[in-house]
Amino acid sequence: MSRVGKAPITIPDQVTVTVDGRRVTVKSGSGELSQIIPRELKLEQKGDQLFISPVKNSRQARELHGLTRSLIANAVKGVSAGFSKVLQILGTGYRVAAKDNGLELKLGFSHPIIFPAPEGIKLEANDNNLITVSGADKQLVGETAAKIRRLRPPDVYKGKGIRYQGEEVKLKPGKAAKAAEGGEG
């Protein structure tokens, strides 16, 4: 059995979990998420804890055990506390501003980029160079942050572009640096 799958999921007071057949719905004041449980697994609720266990010991049940437990635990955490990622914009003239229900990004192109917020995601622009992506669905938060980062990934020579806060980009030496070292010509 999966070590991750064996761990119980503790449900906070403000969160309600309902099981309707194979669908588990997690609700709170901040949102609602649902997850489908595979046929190879069963879900038991005892008090304020959820337990997931395999119906039979098959390879597929073992594979899905920890995954399903993690997905449901992420749903519980998402509706109670939420998830967020912070992106940082580096570069001369690169800016971000909140616009309608999304962002207006100026990233050195001839035109500004309008990025609409997906449903269930909140986008915030701070200090002209920070973007906070937050929401209840962990996968959607990460996917949205990755889409924004893909608009202008960090340049490996100058370091400018969009990166996750705390991400370190290893800069390559340019041609001038190689020539100064006495590189071959």
N, C-alpha and C. Protein backbone atom coordinates (compact mmCIF):
# COMPACT_ATOMS: atom_id res chain seq x y z
N MET A 1 0.83 -1.19 0.00
CA MET A 1 0.00 0.00 0.00
C MET A 1 0.88 1.25 0.00
N SER A 2 0.33 2.30 -0.52
CA SER A 2 1.03 3.56 -0.62
C SER A 2 1.16 4.22 0.74
N ARG A 3 2.36 4.73 1.04
CA ARG A 3 2.55 5.43 2.31
C ARG A 3 1.77 6.74 2.32
N VAL A 4 1.74 7.41 1.18
CA VAL A 4 0.98 8.65 1.07
C VAL A 4 -0.51 8.35 1.19
N GLY A 5 -0.95 7.30 0.53
CA GLY A 5 -2.37 6.95 0.52
C GLY A 5 -2.89 6.52 1.89
N LYS A 6 -2.04 5.96 2.73
CA LYS A 6 -2.47 5.50 4.06
C LYS A 6 -2.78 6.65 5.00
N ALA A 7 -2.16 7.79 4.78
CA ALA A 7 -2.33 8.93 5.69
C ALA A 7 -3.76 9.46 5.61
N PRO A 8 -4.37 9.72 6.76
CA PRO A 8 -5.74 10.26 6.73
C PRO A 8 -5.75 11.73 6.31
N ILE A 9 -6.87 12.18 5.77
CA ILE A 9 -7.05 13.58 5.39
C ILE A 9 -7.91 14.22 6.48
N THR A 10 -7.39 15.21 7.17
CA THR A 10 -8.13 15.90 8.22
C THR A 10 -8.94 17.02 7.59
N ILE A 11 -10.23 17.07 7.93
CA ILE A 11 -11.14 18.07 7.36
C ILE A 11 -11.30 19.20 8.37
N PRO A 12 -10.95 20.45 8.01
CA PRO A 12 -11.14 21.58 8.92
C PRO A 12 -12.63 21.84 9.19
N ASP A 13 -12.92 22.62 10.23
CA ASP A 13 -14.30 22.88 10.63
C ASP A 13 -15.13 23.57 9.55
N GLN A 14 -14.55 24.55 8.84
CA GLN A 14 -15.31 25.32 7.87
C GLN A 14 -15.52 24.59 6.54
N VAL A 15 -14.96 23.40 6.38
CA VAL A 15 -15.05 22.65 5.12
C VAL A 15 -16.03 21.50 5.27
N THR A 16 -16.90 21.32 4.26
CA THR A 16 -17.81 20.17 4.23
C THR A 16 -17.45 19.28 3.05
N VAL A 17 -17.44 17.99 3.31
CA VAL A 17 -17.14 17.00 2.28
C VAL A 17 -18.36 16.13 2.09
N THR A 18 -18.83 16.01 0.84
CA THR A 18 -19.96 15.12 0.54
C THR A 18 -19.51 14.11 -0.50
N VAL A 19 -19.92 12.86 -0.29
CA VAL A 19 -19.59 11.79 -1.22
C VAL A 19 -20.87 11.35 -1.89
N ASP A 20 -20.91 11.46 -3.22
CA ASP A 20 -22.08 11.06 -4.00
C ASP A 20 -21.62 10.03 -5.02
N GLY A 21 -21.73 8.76 -4.64
CA GLY A 21 -21.25 7.70 -5.52
C GLY A 21 -19.73 7.74 -5.61
N ARG A 22 -19.19 8.01 -6.77
CA ARG A 22 -17.75 8.10 -6.99
C ARG A 22 -17.24 9.54 -6.91
N ARG A 23 -18.13 10.51 -6.81
CA ARG A 23 -17.73 11.93 -6.80
C ARG A 23 -17.64 12.45 -5.37
N VAL A 24 -16.50 13.06 -5.05
CA VAL A 24 -16.28 13.69 -3.76
C VAL A 24 -16.30 15.20 -3.99
N THR A 25 -17.17 15.90 -3.28
CA THR A 25 -17.27 17.35 -3.41
C THR A 25 -16.83 18.00 -2.11
N VAL A 26 -15.91 18.94 -2.22
CA VAL A 26 -15.36 19.65 -1.07
C VAL A 26 -15.82 21.10 -1.18
N LYS A 27 -16.55 21.59 -0.15
CA LYS A 27 -17.10 22.94 -0.18
C LYS A 27 -16.63 23.75 1.02
N SER A 28 -16.54 25.05 0.77
CA SER A 28 -16.21 26.01 1.82
C SER A 28 -16.75 27.35 1.37
N GLY A 29 -16.62 28.35 2.21
CA GLY A 29 -17.07 29.68 1.84
C GLY A 29 -16.29 30.26 0.68
N SER A 30 -15.06 29.81 0.47
CA SER A 30 -14.23 30.36 -0.60
C SER A 30 -14.33 29.60 -1.91
N GLY A 31 -15.01 28.47 -1.95
CA GLY A 31 -15.13 27.76 -3.22
C GLY A 31 -15.60 26.33 -3.07
N GLU A 32 -15.65 25.66 -4.21
CA GLU A 32 -16.09 24.28 -4.26
C GLU A 32 -15.27 23.54 -5.31
N LEU A 33 -14.75 22.38 -4.94
CA LEU A 33 -13.99 21.54 -5.86
C LEU A 33 -14.51 20.11 -5.76
N SER A 34 -14.43 19.39 -6.86
CA SER A 34 -14.87 17.99 -6.82
C SER A 34 -13.83 17.11 -7.49
N GLN A 35 -13.80 15.86 -7.07
CA GLN A 35 -12.85 14.88 -7.57
C GLN A 35 -13.56 13.54 -7.69
N ILE A 36 -13.26 12.81 -8.75
CA ILE A 36 -13.86 11.49 -8.94
C ILE A 36 -12.88 10.43 -8.42
N ILE A 37 -13.41 9.50 -7.63
CA ILE A 37 -12.59 8.42 -7.07
C ILE A 37 -12.64 7.24 -8.03
N PRO A 38 -11.49 6.68 -8.39
CA PRO A 38 -11.47 5.51 -9.28
C PRO A 38 -12.16 4.31 -8.64
N ARG A 39 -12.63 3.39 -9.46
CA ARG A 39 -13.34 2.19 -8.98
C ARG A 39 -12.46 1.29 -8.10
N GLU A 40 -11.15 1.38 -8.28
CA GLU A 40 -10.23 0.54 -7.53
C GLU A 40 -10.08 0.97 -6.07
N LEU A 41 -10.64 2.13 -5.71
CA LEU A 41 -10.47 2.67 -4.36
C LEU A 41 -11.82 2.91 -3.70
N LYS A 42 -11.80 2.92 -2.37
CA LYS A 42 -13.01 3.26 -1.62
C LYS A 42 -12.66 4.34 -0.61
N LEU A 43 -13.65 5.15 -0.27
CA LEU A 43 -13.46 6.28 0.62
C LEU A 43 -14.35 6.10 1.84
N GLU A 44 -13.77 6.29 3.03
CA GLU A 44 -14.53 6.22 4.28
C GLU A 44 -14.34 7.52 5.03
N GLN A 45 -15.43 8.01 5.62
CA GLN A 45 -15.35 9.22 6.42
C GLN A 45 -15.67 8.85 7.87
N LYS A 46 -14.71 9.10 8.75
CA LYS A 46 -14.89 8.84 10.18
C LYS A 46 -14.65 10.14 10.93
N GLY A 47 -15.72 10.75 11.37
CA GLY A 47 -15.61 12.02 12.08
C GLY A 47 -15.12 13.11 11.14
N ASP A 48 -13.99 13.73 11.52
CA ASP A 48 -13.45 14.79 10.69
C ASP A 48 -12.24 14.31 9.88
N GLN A 49 -12.19 13.00 9.58
CA GLN A 49 -11.10 12.46 8.79
C GLN A 49 -11.62 11.60 7.65
N LEU A 50 -10.89 11.63 6.53
CA LEU A 50 -11.19 10.79 5.37
C LEU A 50 -10.08 9.76 5.22
N PHE A 51 -10.49 8.52 4.93
CA PHE A 51 -9.54 7.43 4.71
C PHE A 51 -9.79 6.86 3.33
N ILE A 52 -8.72 6.69 2.56
CA ILE A 52 -8.82 6.09 1.23
C ILE A 52 -8.08 4.76 1.28
N SER A 53 -8.73 3.73 0.76
CA SER A 53 -8.09 2.42 0.76
C SER A 53 -8.42 1.70 -0.54
N PRO A 54 -7.52 0.82 -0.99
CA PRO A 54 -7.79 0.06 -2.22
C PRO A 54 -8.83 -1.03 -1.96
N VAL A 55 -9.66 -1.31 -2.98
CA VAL A 55 -10.65 -2.37 -2.88
C VAL A 55 -9.96 -3.73 -2.94
N LYS A 56 -9.02 -3.87 -3.88
CA LYS A 56 -8.21 -5.08 -3.97
C LYS A 56 -6.78 -4.67 -4.28
N ASN A 57 -5.85 -5.55 -4.01
CA ASN A 57 -4.45 -5.23 -4.18
C ASN A 57 -4.00 -5.50 -5.61
N SER A 58 -4.29 -4.57 -6.50
CA SER A 58 -3.83 -4.69 -7.89
C SER A 58 -2.82 -3.57 -8.16
N ARG A 59 -2.10 -3.70 -9.24
CA ARG A 59 -1.10 -2.71 -9.58
C ARG A 59 -1.74 -1.34 -9.78
N GLN A 60 -2.86 -1.30 -10.50
CA GLN A 60 -3.52 -0.02 -10.77
C GLN A 60 -4.05 0.62 -9.47
N ALA A 61 -4.55 -0.20 -8.56
CA ALA A 61 -5.03 0.34 -7.28
C ALA A 61 -3.89 0.95 -6.49
N ARG A 62 -2.73 0.30 -6.50
CA ARG A 62 -1.56 0.85 -5.80
C ARG A 62 -1.11 2.15 -6.44
N GLU A 63 -1.18 2.22 -7.78
CA GLU A 63 -0.77 3.44 -8.49
C GLU A 63 -1.68 4.61 -8.16
N LEU A 64 -2.97 4.35 -8.07
CA LEU A 64 -3.95 5.42 -7.88
C LEU A 64 -4.16 5.80 -6.42
N HIS A 65 -3.72 4.97 -5.49
CA HIS A 65 -3.99 5.18 -4.07
C HIS A 65 -3.43 6.52 -3.57
N GLY A 66 -2.12 6.71 -3.68
CA GLY A 66 -1.50 7.94 -3.20
C GLY A 66 -1.91 9.15 -4.01
N LEU A 67 -2.08 8.97 -5.33
CA LEU A 67 -2.49 10.08 -6.20
C LEU A 67 -3.86 10.62 -5.79
N THR A 68 -4.82 9.73 -5.60
CA THR A 68 -6.17 10.15 -5.25
C THR A 68 -6.20 10.82 -3.89
N ARG A 69 -5.45 10.29 -2.94
CA ARG A 69 -5.38 10.90 -1.62
C ARG A 69 -4.81 12.30 -1.71
N SER A 70 -3.75 12.49 -2.51
CA SER A 70 -3.15 13.81 -2.67
C SER A 70 -4.10 14.79 -3.35
N LEU A 71 -4.83 14.33 -4.35
CA LEU A 71 -5.77 15.21 -5.04
C LEU A 71 -6.89 15.69 -4.12
N ILE A 72 -7.41 14.78 -3.30
CA ILE A 72 -8.48 15.16 -2.37
C ILE A 72 -7.93 16.05 -1.26
N ALA A 73 -6.72 15.76 -0.77
CA ALA A 73 -6.10 16.60 0.26
C ALA A 73 -5.84 18.00 -0.29
N ASN A 74 -5.42 18.11 -1.56
CA ASN A 74 -5.21 19.42 -2.18
C ASN A 74 -6.52 20.17 -2.32
N ALA A 75 -7.61 19.46 -2.61
CA ALA A 75 -8.93 20.11 -2.72
C ALA A 75 -9.34 20.66 -1.36
N VAL A 76 -9.12 19.88 -0.29
CA VAL A 76 -9.48 20.34 1.06
C VAL A 76 -8.65 21.56 1.44
N LYS A 77 -7.34 21.51 1.18
CA LYS A 77 -6.48 22.65 1.49
C LYS A 77 -6.83 23.86 0.62
N GLY A 78 -7.18 23.62 -0.62
CA GLY A 78 -7.49 24.70 -1.55
C GLY A 78 -8.72 25.49 -1.16
N VAL A 79 -9.78 24.80 -0.75
CA VAL A 79 -11.01 25.52 -0.37
C VAL A 79 -10.88 26.15 1.02
N SER A 80 -9.97 25.65 1.85
CA SER A 80 -9.83 26.24 3.18
C SER A 80 -8.79 27.37 3.19
N ALA A 81 -7.60 27.14 2.67
CA ALA A 81 -6.53 28.14 2.71
C ALA A 81 -6.23 28.73 1.33
N GLY A 82 -6.33 27.93 0.28
CA GLY A 82 -6.01 28.40 -1.07
C GLY A 82 -4.54 28.20 -1.40
N PHE A 83 -4.23 28.37 -2.67
CA PHE A 83 -2.87 28.23 -3.17
C PHE A 83 -2.50 29.51 -3.89
N SER A 84 -1.21 29.85 -3.90
CA SER A 84 -0.78 31.02 -4.65
C SER A 84 0.65 30.84 -5.14
N LYS A 85 0.95 31.51 -6.24
CA LYS A 85 2.30 31.56 -6.79
C LYS A 85 2.60 33.01 -7.11
N VAL A 86 3.84 33.42 -6.88
CA VAL A 86 4.24 34.80 -7.15
C VAL A 86 5.25 34.78 -8.29
N LEU A 87 5.00 35.60 -9.29
CA LEU A 87 5.90 35.76 -10.43
C LEU A 87 6.54 37.13 -10.36
N GLN A 88 7.78 37.21 -10.80
CA GLN A 88 8.52 38.46 -10.77
C GLN A 88 8.91 38.83 -12.20
N ILE A 89 8.75 40.10 -12.55
CA ILE A 89 9.11 40.58 -13.88
C ILE A 89 10.38 41.40 -13.75
N LEU A 90 11.41 41.02 -14.50
CA LEU A 90 12.68 41.75 -14.49
C LEU A 90 12.98 42.22 -15.91
N GLY A 91 13.36 43.48 -16.05
CA GLY A 91 13.72 44.01 -17.35
C GLY A 91 13.36 45.48 -17.44
N THR A 92 14.16 46.22 -18.16
CA THR A 92 13.91 47.64 -18.32
C THR A 92 12.66 47.84 -19.15
N GLY A 93 11.70 48.57 -18.60
CA GLY A 93 10.46 48.84 -19.32
C GLY A 93 9.42 47.75 -19.21
N TYR A 94 9.73 46.64 -18.55
CA TYR A 94 8.75 45.56 -18.38
C TYR A 94 7.85 45.94 -17.20
N ARG A 95 6.53 45.90 -17.43
CA ARG A 95 5.57 46.29 -16.39
C ARG A 95 4.35 45.40 -16.45
N VAL A 96 3.62 45.42 -15.34
CA VAL A 96 2.34 44.72 -15.27
C VAL A 96 1.36 45.62 -14.54
N ALA A 97 0.09 45.57 -14.99
CA ALA A 97 -0.97 46.35 -14.34
C ALA A 97 -2.25 45.53 -14.39
N ALA A 98 -3.07 45.67 -13.36
CA ALA A 98 -4.36 44.99 -13.34
C ALA A 98 -5.28 45.68 -14.34
N LYS A 99 -6.00 44.89 -15.14
CA LYS A 99 -6.89 45.44 -16.16
C LYS A 99 -8.13 44.58 -16.21
N ASP A 100 -9.30 45.18 -15.94
CA ASP A 100 -10.58 44.47 -15.94
C ASP A 100 -10.47 43.22 -15.07
N ASN A 101 -10.61 42.04 -15.67
CA ASN A 101 -10.54 40.78 -14.93
C ASN A 101 -9.28 40.04 -15.36
N GLY A 102 -8.15 40.74 -15.40
CA GLY A 102 -6.91 40.10 -15.83
C GLY A 102 -5.74 41.04 -15.66
N LEU A 103 -4.75 40.88 -16.54
CA LEU A 103 -3.53 41.67 -16.46
C LEU A 103 -3.20 42.29 -17.80
N GLU A 104 -2.56 43.43 -17.76
CA GLU A 104 -1.98 44.04 -18.96
C GLU A 104 -0.47 44.02 -18.75
N LEU A 105 0.23 43.29 -19.61
CA LEU A 105 1.67 43.11 -19.47
C LEU A 105 2.40 43.84 -20.59
N LYS A 106 3.41 44.61 -20.22
CA LYS A 106 4.28 45.25 -21.21
C LYS A 106 5.63 44.56 -21.07
N LEU A 107 5.98 43.75 -22.08
CA LEU A 107 7.15 42.88 -21.97
C LEU A 107 8.16 43.10 -23.09
N GLY A 108 8.22 44.33 -23.61
CA GLY A 108 9.21 44.63 -24.63
C GLY A 108 8.74 44.34 -26.04
N PHE A 109 7.50 43.92 -26.21
CA PHE A 109 6.95 43.72 -27.55
C PHE A 109 6.41 45.06 -28.04
N SER A 110 5.98 45.12 -29.30
CA SER A 110 5.44 46.36 -29.85
C SER A 110 4.05 46.67 -29.32
N HIS A 111 3.44 45.73 -28.61
CA HIS A 111 2.08 45.89 -28.11
C HIS A 111 1.99 45.31 -26.70
N PRO A 112 1.07 45.83 -25.89
CA PRO A 112 0.86 45.21 -24.57
C PRO A 112 0.09 43.90 -24.72
N ILE A 113 0.32 42.99 -23.81
CA ILE A 113 -0.37 41.69 -23.82
C ILE A 113 -1.46 41.72 -22.76
N ILE A 114 -2.68 41.41 -23.16
CA ILE A 114 -3.80 41.33 -22.23
C ILE A 114 -3.96 39.85 -21.87
N PHE A 115 -3.85 39.52 -20.58
CA PHE A 115 -3.99 38.14 -20.12
C PHE A 115 -5.24 38.05 -19.25
N PRO A 116 -6.32 37.43 -19.75
CA PRO A 116 -7.54 37.31 -18.95
C PRO A 116 -7.39 36.24 -17.86
N ALA A 117 -8.02 36.47 -16.72
CA ALA A 117 -7.95 35.51 -15.61
C ALA A 117 -8.93 34.37 -15.88
N PRO A 118 -8.47 33.12 -15.78
CA PRO A 118 -9.39 31.99 -15.92
C PRO A 118 -10.39 31.98 -14.76
N GLU A 119 -11.49 31.30 -14.94
CA GLU A 119 -12.50 31.21 -13.89
C GLU A 119 -11.93 30.49 -12.67
N GLY A 120 -12.09 31.08 -11.51
CA GLY A 120 -11.58 30.49 -10.27
C GLY A 120 -10.18 30.96 -9.90
N ILE A 121 -9.59 31.85 -10.71
CA ILE A 121 -8.24 32.35 -10.45
C ILE A 121 -8.29 33.85 -10.23
N LYS A 122 -7.54 34.31 -9.24
CA LYS A 122 -7.45 35.73 -8.95
C LYS A 122 -6.03 36.18 -9.29
N LEU A 123 -5.92 37.20 -10.14
CA LEU A 123 -4.62 37.74 -10.53
C LEU A 123 -4.45 39.13 -9.92
N GLU A 124 -3.31 39.36 -9.29
CA GLU A 124 -3.02 40.66 -8.69
C GLU A 124 -1.67 41.15 -9.20
N ALA A 125 -1.60 42.45 -9.48
CA ALA A 125 -0.35 43.08 -9.90
C ALA A 125 0.13 43.98 -8.76
N ASN A 126 1.36 43.76 -8.30
CA ASN A 126 1.93 44.54 -7.20
C ASN A 126 3.23 45.21 -7.66
N ASP A 127 3.41 46.47 -7.34
CA ASP A 127 4.68 47.18 -7.56
C ASP A 127 5.17 47.17 -9.01
N ASN A 128 4.31 47.07 -9.99
CA ASN A 128 4.68 47.07 -11.41
C ASN A 128 5.54 45.88 -11.85
N ASN A 129 5.99 45.04 -10.91
CA ASN A 129 6.85 43.94 -11.33
C ASN A 129 6.55 42.62 -10.62
N LEU A 130 5.49 42.54 -9.83
CA LEU A 130 5.12 41.29 -9.17
C LEU A 130 3.70 40.89 -9.56
N ILE A 131 3.50 39.62 -9.83
CA ILE A 131 2.18 39.08 -10.16
C ILE A 131 1.89 37.98 -9.16
N THR A 132 0.73 38.04 -8.51
CA THR A 132 0.30 36.99 -7.61
C THR A 132 -0.86 36.25 -8.24
N VAL A 133 -0.69 34.94 -8.44
CA VAL A 133 -1.74 34.09 -8.98
C VAL A 133 -2.25 33.26 -7.82
N SER A 134 -3.56 33.37 -7.51
CA SER A 134 -4.10 32.62 -6.38
C SER A 134 -5.45 32.03 -6.74
N GLY A 135 -5.79 30.94 -6.04
CA GLY A 135 -7.05 30.25 -6.26
C GLY A 135 -7.13 29.00 -5.41
N ALA A 136 -8.25 28.29 -5.53
CA ALA A 136 -8.47 27.09 -4.73
C ALA A 136 -7.92 25.84 -5.40
N ASP A 137 -7.86 25.81 -6.72
CA ASP A 137 -7.41 24.64 -7.47
C ASP A 137 -5.90 24.71 -7.71
N LYS A 138 -5.14 23.83 -7.05
CA LYS A 138 -3.69 23.87 -7.13
C LYS A 138 -3.19 23.71 -8.56
N GLN A 139 -3.80 22.81 -9.31
CA GLN A 139 -3.37 22.57 -10.68
C GLN A 139 -3.61 23.79 -11.56
N LEU A 140 -4.76 24.43 -11.42
CA LEU A 140 -5.10 25.60 -12.22
C LEU A 140 -4.21 26.79 -11.87
N VAL A 141 -3.85 26.95 -10.60
CA VAL A 141 -2.95 28.03 -10.18
C VAL A 141 -1.58 27.83 -10.84
N GLY A 142 -1.05 26.62 -10.77
CA GLY A 142 0.25 26.34 -11.37
C GLY A 142 0.24 26.47 -12.88
N GLU A 143 -0.83 26.02 -13.51
CA GLU A 143 -0.95 26.10 -14.96
C GLU A 143 -1.04 27.55 -15.42
N THR A 144 -1.80 28.38 -14.71
CA THR A 144 -1.93 29.79 -15.06
C THR A 144 -0.61 30.51 -14.88
N ALA A 145 0.11 30.23 -13.78
CA ALA A 145 1.42 30.85 -13.56
C ALA A 145 2.40 30.45 -14.66
N ALA A 146 2.34 29.20 -15.09
CA ALA A 146 3.23 28.73 -16.16
C ALA A 146 2.90 29.41 -17.49
N LYS A 147 1.62 29.64 -17.76
CA LYS A 147 1.22 30.32 -19.00
C LYS A 147 1.72 31.76 -19.01
N ILE A 148 1.63 32.43 -17.85
CA ILE A 148 2.12 33.81 -17.77
C ILE A 148 3.64 33.83 -17.95
N ARG A 149 4.33 32.89 -17.33
CA ARG A 149 5.79 32.83 -17.43
C ARG A 149 6.22 32.57 -18.87
N ARG A 150 5.44 31.77 -19.60
CA ARG A 150 5.76 31.45 -20.99
C ARG A 150 5.66 32.65 -21.93
N LEU A 151 4.98 33.73 -21.50
CA LEU A 151 4.87 34.92 -22.35
C LEU A 151 6.24 35.55 -22.60
N ARG A 152 7.13 35.50 -21.60
CA ARG A 152 8.49 36.02 -21.75
C ARG A 152 9.37 35.30 -20.74
N PRO A 153 9.84 34.08 -21.08
CA PRO A 153 10.69 33.33 -20.14
C PRO A 153 12.00 34.08 -19.88
N PRO A 154 12.67 33.78 -18.78
CA PRO A 154 13.92 34.49 -18.47
C PRO A 154 14.98 34.27 -19.55
N ASP A 155 15.63 35.36 -19.93
CA ASP A 155 16.70 35.31 -20.92
C ASP A 155 17.96 34.78 -20.23
N VAL A 156 18.63 33.84 -20.85
CA VAL A 156 19.80 33.21 -20.21
C VAL A 156 21.05 34.07 -20.29
N TYR A 157 21.04 35.12 -21.09
CA TYR A 157 22.21 36.00 -21.20
C TYR A 157 22.09 37.24 -20.32
N LYS A 158 20.90 37.84 -20.26
CA LYS A 158 20.72 39.07 -19.48
C LYS A 158 19.89 38.85 -18.22
N GLY A 159 19.11 37.78 -18.16
CA GLY A 159 18.32 37.47 -16.97
C GLY A 159 16.96 38.16 -16.95
N LYS A 160 16.62 38.92 -17.99
CA LYS A 160 15.34 39.61 -17.96
C LYS A 160 14.22 38.72 -18.48
N GLY A 161 13.02 38.97 -17.99
CA GLY A 161 11.87 38.17 -18.36
C GLY A 161 10.99 37.92 -17.14
N ILE A 162 10.12 36.92 -17.24
CA ILE A 162 9.23 36.58 -16.13
C ILE A 162 9.75 35.29 -15.49
N ARG A 163 9.88 35.31 -14.18
CA ARG A 163 10.33 34.12 -13.44
C ARG A 163 9.54 34.00 -12.15
N TYR A 164 9.56 32.81 -11.57
CA TYR A 164 8.93 32.61 -10.27
C TYR A 164 9.76 33.33 -9.23
N GLN A 165 9.11 33.85 -8.20
CA GLN A 165 9.86 34.54 -7.16
C GLN A 165 10.76 33.53 -6.45
N GLY A 166 12.03 33.87 -6.33
CA GLY A 166 12.99 32.97 -5.71
C GLY A 166 13.70 32.06 -6.71
N GLU A 167 13.24 32.03 -7.96
CA GLU A 167 13.87 31.19 -8.98
C GLU A 167 15.20 31.82 -9.38
N GLU A 168 16.23 31.02 -9.45
CA GLU A 168 17.52 31.52 -9.86
C GLU A 168 17.79 31.08 -11.29
N VAL A 169 18.16 32.03 -12.12
CA VAL A 169 18.48 31.76 -13.51
C VAL A 169 19.99 31.85 -13.66
N LYS A 170 20.59 30.75 -14.10
CA LYS A 170 22.03 30.74 -14.29
C LYS A 170 22.33 31.43 -15.61
N LEU A 171 23.09 32.53 -15.55
CA LEU A 171 23.39 33.31 -16.74
C LEU A 171 24.60 32.73 -17.46
N LYS A 172 24.49 32.71 -18.80
CA LYS A 172 25.60 32.25 -19.64
C LYS A 172 26.52 33.42 -19.93
N PRO A 173 27.79 33.15 -20.07
CA PRO A 173 28.68 34.25 -20.50
C PRO A 173 28.42 34.54 -21.97
N GLY A 174 28.51 35.80 -22.35
CA GLY A 174 28.30 36.18 -23.74
C GLY A 174 29.57 35.96 -24.55
N LYS A 175 29.51 36.35 -25.84
CA LYS A 175 30.67 36.20 -26.71
C LYS A 175 31.84 37.04 -26.23
N ALA A 176 31.56 38.25 -25.75
CA ALA A 176 32.62 39.15 -25.28
C ALA A 176 33.37 38.54 -24.11
N ALA A 177 32.66 37.87 -23.21
CA ALA A 177 33.30 37.25 -22.07
C ALA A 177 34.19 36.09 -22.49
N LYS A 178 33.75 35.34 -23.49
CA LYS A 178 34.57 34.22 -23.98
C LYS A 178 35.82 34.75 -24.66
N ALA A 179 35.69 35.83 -25.42
CA ALA A 179 36.84 36.41 -26.14
C ALA A 179 37.85 36.96 -25.15
N ALA A 180 37.38 37.54 -24.06
CA ALA A 180 38.26 38.11 -23.04
C ALA A 180 39.05 37.02 -22.33
N GLU A 181 38.48 35.82 -22.22
CA GLU A 181 39.15 34.69 -21.57
C GLU A 181 40.28 34.17 -22.44
N GLY A 182 40.30 34.55 -23.70
CA GLY A 182 41.32 34.03 -24.61
C GLY A 182 40.83 32.79 -25.31
N GLY A 183 39.56 32.79 -25.63
CA GLY A 183 38.98 31.66 -26.34
C GLY A 183 39.52 31.54 -27.74
N GLU A 184 39.30 30.39 -28.32
CA GLU A 184 39.80 30.14 -29.68
C GLU A 184 38.96 30.92 -30.67
N GLY A 185 39.57 31.35 -31.73
CA GLY A 185 38.90 32.19 -32.71
C GLY A 185 38.68 31.52 -33.94
